[in-house]
Amino acid sequence: MSAADRFADALYGLGWSTVKKLPEPVAVRLGRTIADAAWKRRGKGVRRLEANYARVVPGASPERLAELSRAGMRSYLRYWMESFRLPAWSAERVRAGFVPKDLHHLTEGLASGRGVVLALPHLANWDLAGAWVTTALETPFTTVAERLKPESLYDRFVAYREGLGMEVLPHSGGAAFGTLARRLRDGGLVCLVADRDLSASGVEVDFFGERARMPAGPALLAQHTGALLLPVTLWYDDSPVMRGRVHPPIEVPASGTRAEKTSVMTQALADAFATGIAEHPEDWHMLQRLWLADLDPAKGPS
């Protein structure tokens, strides 16, 4: 393990061991302090965040983009502070920490026994939403996680999410799709963060007026298993409570090839994601390149 990998593993280990013991107001202040310090340094992640926000809020002035990126970093650190503390939250705190709208789309889908795929963008705190599902709805679910380096850091994330009641599969390796399909055919729930393609073989979509790639998995799973596909968007307000919305189901088109159906459904997902992101851009934690134009090496560094 390299020195950088050891440092990253130690840093996250310190967060999970120390931050979760802090009183909540102290953790909130700490998160905001770290966010503001990172924002002032204007490192690569902050600059990329602003570049992404420039597409979400077209015509925004440099001052407006700076305001958004500062709020975005505060939202991002709120996510981390909450995530470090989630394992120590009581069931009552988890249940009170998230209030979703239009939950009937999910509960009715689960009651039908056909299986449900929830697809989310990187908005607010998807781990908190997942903990709420396993706690308030008493419904376990399966998800996938990107393999992080070092391996010990990936193991920390898996253990953390499994401790919240999730079944976690590695994103790489090719076996995840079959396991997810089996869970859905058994009437289970699958939750996938789906606004950024990690395979370089995703589906091209129009996203805020430009081309991007998003994973085909949610649409393919719905087609293969008959499961309901539901977009979910999340956001923060000024309270300790996270908000969310379960969007109406995305139907499988009646005609077309598998690829054509997948394209239509993934575009519908992208449109639902764009609605939530446009309403709460500061809660979209996309500090990486996303649009195809930015993935072109000729465009230069982020």
Protein backbone atom coordinates (compact mmCIF):
# COMPACT_ATOMS: atom_id res chain seq x y z
CA MET A 1 0.00 0.00 0.00
CA SER A 2 1.39 3.40 -0.96
CA ALA A 3 1.86 6.24 1.51
CA ALA A 4 -1.05 8.12 -0.10
CA ASP A 5 -3.31 5.07 0.24
CA ARG A 6 -2.34 4.62 3.89
CA PHE A 7 -3.05 8.29 4.54
CA ALA A 8 -6.50 8.10 2.89
CA ASP A 9 -7.40 4.97 4.84
CA ALA A 10 -6.24 6.52 8.12
CA LEU A 11 -8.13 9.75 7.42
CA TYR A 12 -11.43 7.99 6.80
CA GLY A 13 -10.83 5.70 9.76
CA LEU A 14 -10.34 8.78 11.95
CA GLY A 15 -13.59 10.24 10.64
CA TRP A 16 -15.65 7.16 11.45
CA SER A 17 -14.04 6.67 14.84
CA THR A 18 -13.97 10.31 16.00
CA VAL A 19 -16.64 12.38 14.26
CA LYS A 20 -19.44 10.00 15.23
CA LYS A 21 -18.67 10.72 18.89
CA LEU A 22 -19.04 14.49 18.54
CA PRO A 23 -22.23 16.28 19.59
CA GLU A 24 -24.26 17.04 16.49
CA PRO A 25 -23.85 20.86 16.63
CA VAL A 26 -20.09 20.43 16.90
CA ALA A 27 -20.03 18.07 13.92
CA VAL A 28 -22.10 20.55 11.90
CA ARG A 29 -19.70 23.40 12.66
CA LEU A 30 -16.69 21.22 11.92
CA GLY A 31 -18.11 20.22 8.56
CA ARG A 32 -18.80 23.80 7.61
CA THR A 33 -15.30 24.89 8.67
CA ILE A 34 -13.66 22.17 6.57
CA ALA A 35 -15.92 22.97 3.62
CA ASP A 36 -15.11 26.68 3.71
CA ALA A 37 -11.37 25.99 3.97
CA ALA A 38 -11.50 23.64 0.98
CA TRP A 39 -13.57 26.16 -1.00
CA LYS A 40 -11.08 28.96 -0.33
CA ARG A 41 -8.21 26.82 -1.61
CA ARG A 42 -10.04 26.41 -4.95
CA GLY A 43 -8.55 23.02 -5.62
CA LYS A 44 -9.36 20.74 -8.54
CA GLY A 45 -12.61 19.46 -7.02
CA VAL A 46 -13.99 22.94 -6.34
CA ARG A 47 -13.12 24.13 -9.82
CA ARG A 48 -14.78 21.08 -11.36
CA LEU A 49 -17.85 21.62 -9.18
CA GLU A 50 -18.16 25.18 -10.48
CA ALA A 51 -17.72 24.03 -14.07
CA ASN A 52 -20.51 21.50 -13.59
CA TYR A 53 -22.77 24.10 -11.96
CA ALA A 54 -22.17 26.39 -14.95
CA ARG A 55 -24.11 23.87 -17.07
CA VAL A 56 -26.85 23.40 -14.50
CA VAL A 57 -27.35 27.17 -14.08
CA PRO A 58 -26.65 28.58 -17.56
CA GLY A 59 -25.79 32.25 -17.63
CA ALA A 60 -24.73 32.31 -13.99
CA SER A 61 -22.16 35.00 -13.22
CA PRO A 62 -18.76 34.08 -11.75
CA GLU A 63 -20.01 35.47 -8.44
CA ARG A 64 -23.11 33.26 -8.56
CA LEU A 65 -21.02 30.20 -9.42
CA ALA A 66 -18.70 30.98 -6.50
CA GLU A 67 -21.72 31.20 -4.18
CA LEU A 68 -22.99 27.89 -5.51
CA SER A 69 -19.66 26.13 -5.13
CA ARG A 70 -19.33 27.36 -1.55
CA ALA A 71 -22.82 26.10 -0.75
CA GLY A 72 -22.02 22.91 -2.65
CA MET A 73 -18.94 22.21 -0.56
CA ARG A 74 -20.91 22.82 2.63
CA SER A 75 -23.55 20.38 1.41
CA TYR A 76 -20.85 17.86 0.50
CA LEU A 77 -19.27 18.09 3.95
CA ARG A 78 -22.70 17.81 5.55
CA TYR A 79 -23.00 14.52 3.69
CA TRP A 80 -19.67 13.34 5.12
CA MET A 81 -20.38 14.51 8.67
CA GLU A 82 -23.75 12.75 8.62
CA SER A 83 -22.26 9.63 7.10
CA PHE A 84 -19.53 9.42 9.72
CA ARG A 85 -22.18 9.78 12.41
CA LEU A 86 -24.93 7.57 10.94
CA PRO A 87 -23.71 4.35 12.61
CA ALA A 88 -24.17 6.05 15.99
CA TRP A 89 -27.64 7.46 15.25
CA SER A 90 -30.58 5.92 17.02
CA ALA A 91 -33.42 4.42 15.01
CA GLU A 92 -35.54 7.40 16.05
CA ARG A 93 -32.93 9.87 14.76
CA VAL A 94 -32.74 8.05 11.42
CA ARG A 95 -36.52 7.98 11.04
CA ALA A 96 -36.74 11.69 11.85
CA GLY A 97 -33.82 12.60 9.58
CA PHE A 98 -35.53 12.11 6.22
CA VAL A 99 -38.94 13.11 4.89
CA PRO A 100 -39.73 11.89 1.34
CA LYS A 101 -42.62 13.02 -0.85
CA ASP A 102 -44.70 10.63 -2.97
CA LEU A 103 -43.49 7.60 -1.05
CA HIS A 104 -46.53 5.69 -2.29
CA HIS A 105 -44.70 4.97 -5.55
CA LEU A 106 -42.19 2.90 -3.56
CA THR A 107 -44.52 1.29 -1.03
CA GLU A 108 -47.08 0.28 -3.66
CA GLY A 109 -44.33 -1.08 -5.87
CA LEU A 110 -42.95 -3.22 -3.06
CA ALA A 111 -46.42 -4.40 -2.11
CA SER A 112 -47.00 -5.57 -5.69
CA GLY A 113 -44.16 -8.08 -5.32
CA ARG A 114 -42.62 -7.21 -8.68
CA GLY A 115 -39.41 -5.73 -7.27
CA VAL A 116 -38.30 -2.10 -7.33
CA VAL A 117 -35.18 -0.33 -8.62
CA LEU A 118 -34.54 3.06 -7.02
CA ALA A 119 -32.13 5.19 -9.07
CA LEU A 120 -30.57 8.30 -7.55
CA PRO A 121 -28.09 10.99 -8.54
CA HIS A 122 -25.33 12.21 -6.22
CA LEU A 123 -27.72 14.55 -4.39
CA ALA A 124 -27.59 15.28 -0.64
CA ASN A 125 -27.09 12.06 1.37
CA TRP A 126 -28.07 8.84 -0.37
CA ASP A 127 -26.68 6.81 2.55
CA LEU A 128 -29.11 8.50 4.92
CA ALA A 129 -31.96 7.76 2.52
CA GLY A 130 -30.85 4.14 2.47
CA ALA A 131 -30.65 3.94 6.26
CA TRP A 132 -34.14 5.43 6.42
CA VAL A 133 -35.48 2.73 4.09
CA THR A 134 -33.99 -0.07 6.18
CA THR A 135 -35.14 1.56 9.44
CA ALA A 136 -38.44 3.34 8.83
CA LEU A 137 -39.73 0.96 6.16
CA GLU A 138 -37.91 -2.06 7.63
CA THR A 139 -36.99 -3.02 4.07
CA PRO A 140 -33.52 -4.38 3.27
CA PHE A 141 -32.05 -3.66 -0.13
CA THR A 142 -29.08 -4.41 -2.34
CA THR A 143 -26.71 -1.88 -3.85
CA VAL A 144 -23.30 -1.76 -5.52
CA ALA A 145 -20.17 0.14 -4.53
CA GLU A 146 -17.26 1.34 -6.61
CA ARG A 147 -14.04 -0.45 -5.70
CA LEU A 148 -11.90 2.14 -3.97
CA LYS A 149 -8.18 2.14 -3.40
CA PRO A 150 -6.73 1.09 -1.09
CA GLU A 151 -8.73 -2.11 -0.64
CA SER A 152 -8.92 -1.42 3.09
CA LEU A 153 -10.82 1.80 2.36
CA TYR A 154 -13.29 -0.08 0.17
CA ASP A 155 -13.72 -2.60 3.00
CA ARG A 156 -14.49 0.27 5.39
CA PHE A 157 -17.24 1.56 3.10
CA VAL A 158 -18.73 -1.90 2.67
CA ALA A 159 -18.74 -2.53 6.42
CA TYR A 160 -20.26 0.91 7.02
CA ARG A 161 -23.11 0.36 4.55
CA GLU A 162 -23.71 -3.20 5.65
CA GLY A 163 -23.97 -1.87 9.20
CA LEU A 164 -26.84 0.33 7.99
CA GLY A 165 -28.70 -2.73 6.70
CA MET A 166 -27.60 -2.76 3.05
CA GLU A 167 -26.31 -5.68 1.00
CA VAL A 168 -23.31 -4.29 -0.90
CA LEU A 169 -21.90 -5.80 -4.09
CA PRO A 170 -18.68 -4.70 -5.80
CA HIS A 171 -19.23 -2.68 -8.97
CA SER A 172 -16.46 -4.47 -10.84
CA GLY A 173 -16.28 -8.15 -11.62
CA GLY A 174 -19.44 -8.60 -13.69
CA ALA A 175 -21.39 -10.71 -11.18
CA ALA A 176 -23.37 -7.85 -9.65
CA PHE A 177 -26.01 -7.67 -12.39
CA GLY A 178 -27.05 -11.31 -11.97
CA THR A 179 -27.34 -10.96 -8.19
CA LEU A 180 -29.36 -7.74 -8.51
CA ALA A 181 -31.69 -9.43 -11.00
CA ARG A 182 -32.27 -12.34 -8.62
CA ARG A 183 -33.10 -9.97 -5.77
CA LEU A 184 -35.64 -8.17 -7.97
CA ARG A 185 -37.26 -11.36 -9.23
CA ASP A 186 -37.75 -12.29 -5.57
CA GLY A 187 -39.66 -9.01 -5.10
CA GLY A 188 -36.75 -7.21 -3.46
CA LEU A 189 -35.43 -3.67 -3.56
CA VAL A 190 -32.31 -2.46 -5.39
CA CYS A 191 -30.89 1.05 -4.96
CA LEU A 192 -28.35 2.45 -7.42
CA VAL A 193 -26.58 5.81 -7.67
CA ALA A 194 -26.91 6.28 -11.42
CA ASP A 195 -25.89 9.73 -12.68
CA ARG A 196 -22.28 8.89 -13.58
CA ASP A 197 -21.15 6.00 -15.74
CA LEU A 198 -18.17 4.14 -14.32
CA SER A 199 -17.81 1.63 -17.15
CA ALA A 200 -17.26 3.97 -20.16
CA SER A 201 -19.93 1.86 -21.90
CA GLY A 202 -23.03 3.60 -20.61
CA VAL A 203 -25.93 5.19 -22.45
CA GLU A 204 -25.56 8.62 -24.00
CA VAL A 205 -28.21 11.09 -22.78
CA ASP A 206 -28.98 14.74 -23.16
CA PHE A 207 -28.27 16.33 -19.78
CA PHE A 208 -28.71 20.07 -19.34
CA GLY A 209 -28.37 20.52 -23.09
CA GLU A 210 -25.17 18.52 -23.60
CA ARG A 211 -24.28 14.88 -24.05
CA ALA A 212 -23.30 12.76 -21.07
CA ARG A 213 -23.17 9.03 -20.32
CA MET A 214 -25.18 7.33 -17.61
CA PRO A 215 -25.22 3.66 -16.61
CA ALA A 216 -27.56 1.31 -18.43
CA GLY A 217 -28.02 -0.93 -15.39
CA PRO A 218 -31.26 0.49 -13.94
CA ALA A 219 -33.10 0.32 -17.28
CA LEU A 220 -31.74 -3.12 -18.13
CA LEU A 221 -32.69 -4.51 -14.73
CA ALA A 222 -36.25 -3.24 -15.14
CA GLN A 223 -36.47 -4.83 -18.59
CA HIS A 224 -34.96 -8.17 -17.54
CA THR A 225 -37.00 -8.62 -14.36
CA GLY A 226 -40.22 -6.64 -14.74
CA ALA A 227 -39.24 -4.54 -11.72
CA LEU A 228 -40.53 -1.01 -11.25
CA LEU A 229 -37.95 1.72 -12.03
CA LEU A 230 -38.30 4.78 -9.80
CA PRO A 231 -36.08 7.89 -9.90
CA VAL A 232 -35.43 9.53 -6.54
CA THR A 233 -34.07 13.02 -5.88
CA LEU A 234 -32.89 14.39 -2.53
CA TRP A 235 -32.13 17.79 -1.09
CA TYR A 236 -31.27 19.64 2.11
CA ASP A 237 -33.00 22.65 3.60
CA ASP A 238 -31.95 24.76 6.58
CA SER A 239 -33.13 22.14 9.05
CA PRO A 240 -31.44 18.92 10.25
CA VAL A 241 -33.95 17.01 8.10
CA MET A 242 -33.19 15.87 4.55
CA ARG A 243 -36.00 16.02 2.00
CA GLY A 244 -36.67 13.82 -0.99
CA ARG A 245 -39.08 12.86 -3.72
CA VAL A 246 -39.90 9.51 -5.28
CA HIS A 247 -40.72 10.25 -8.91
CA PRO A 248 -43.37 8.38 -10.93
CA PRO A 249 -42.28 5.07 -12.49
CA ILE A 250 -40.38 4.96 -15.75
CA GLU A 251 -42.17 2.49 -17.96
CA VAL A 252 -40.53 0.05 -20.36
CA PRO A 253 -41.41 1.17 -23.92
CA ALA A 254 -43.86 -1.12 -25.68
CA SER A 255 -41.73 -1.43 -28.81
CA GLY A 256 -38.11 -1.17 -29.93
CA THR A 257 -34.93 -3.14 -29.52
CA ARG A 258 -33.39 -3.66 -26.10
CA ALA A 259 -30.86 -0.92 -26.83
CA GLU A 260 -33.59 1.47 -27.97
CA LYS A 261 -35.70 0.79 -24.88
CA THR A 262 -32.65 1.25 -22.65
CA SER A 263 -31.85 4.57 -24.32
CA VAL A 264 -35.40 5.90 -23.84
CA MET A 265 -35.56 4.80 -20.20
CA THR A 266 -32.12 6.15 -19.31
CA GLN A 267 -33.00 9.49 -20.89
CA ALA A 268 -36.15 9.57 -18.75
CA LEU A 269 -33.97 8.95 -15.68
CA ALA A 270 -31.63 11.75 -16.72
CA ASP A 271 -34.60 14.10 -17.12
CA ALA A 272 -35.87 13.26 -13.62
CA PHE A 273 -32.39 13.76 -12.18
CA ALA A 274 -32.08 17.09 -13.99
CA THR A 275 -35.35 18.29 -12.46
CA GLY A 276 -34.08 17.65 -8.93
CA ILE A 277 -30.59 18.99 -9.60
CA ALA A 278 -31.90 22.20 -11.19
CA GLU A 279 -34.08 22.82 -8.13
CA HIS A 280 -31.22 22.20 -5.67
CA PRO A 281 -27.92 22.52 -7.56
CA GLU A 282 -25.89 23.14 -4.41
CA ASP A 283 -26.78 19.64 -3.17
CA TRP A 284 -25.41 17.90 -6.28
CA HIS A 285 -22.01 16.57 -5.22
CA MET A 286 -20.45 16.07 -8.64
CA LEU A 287 -16.78 16.94 -8.21
CA GLN A 288 -15.75 14.83 -11.21
CA ARG A 289 -15.98 15.20 -14.98
CA LEU A 290 -19.36 14.09 -16.30
CA TRP A 291 -20.15 15.54 -19.73
CA LEU A 292 -18.54 13.97 -22.79
CA ALA A 293 -16.98 17.28 -23.80
CA ASP A 294 -15.09 17.33 -20.49
CA LEU A 295 -13.93 13.74 -20.88
CA ASP A 296 -12.04 14.69 -24.04
CA PRO A 297 -8.35 15.01 -23.06
CA ALA A 298 -8.00 17.80 -25.60
CA LYS A 299 -10.15 19.98 -23.37
CA GLY A 300 -7.38 20.21 -20.81
CA PRO A 301 -7.38 19.71 -17.03
CA SER A 302 -10.42 20.28 -14.88
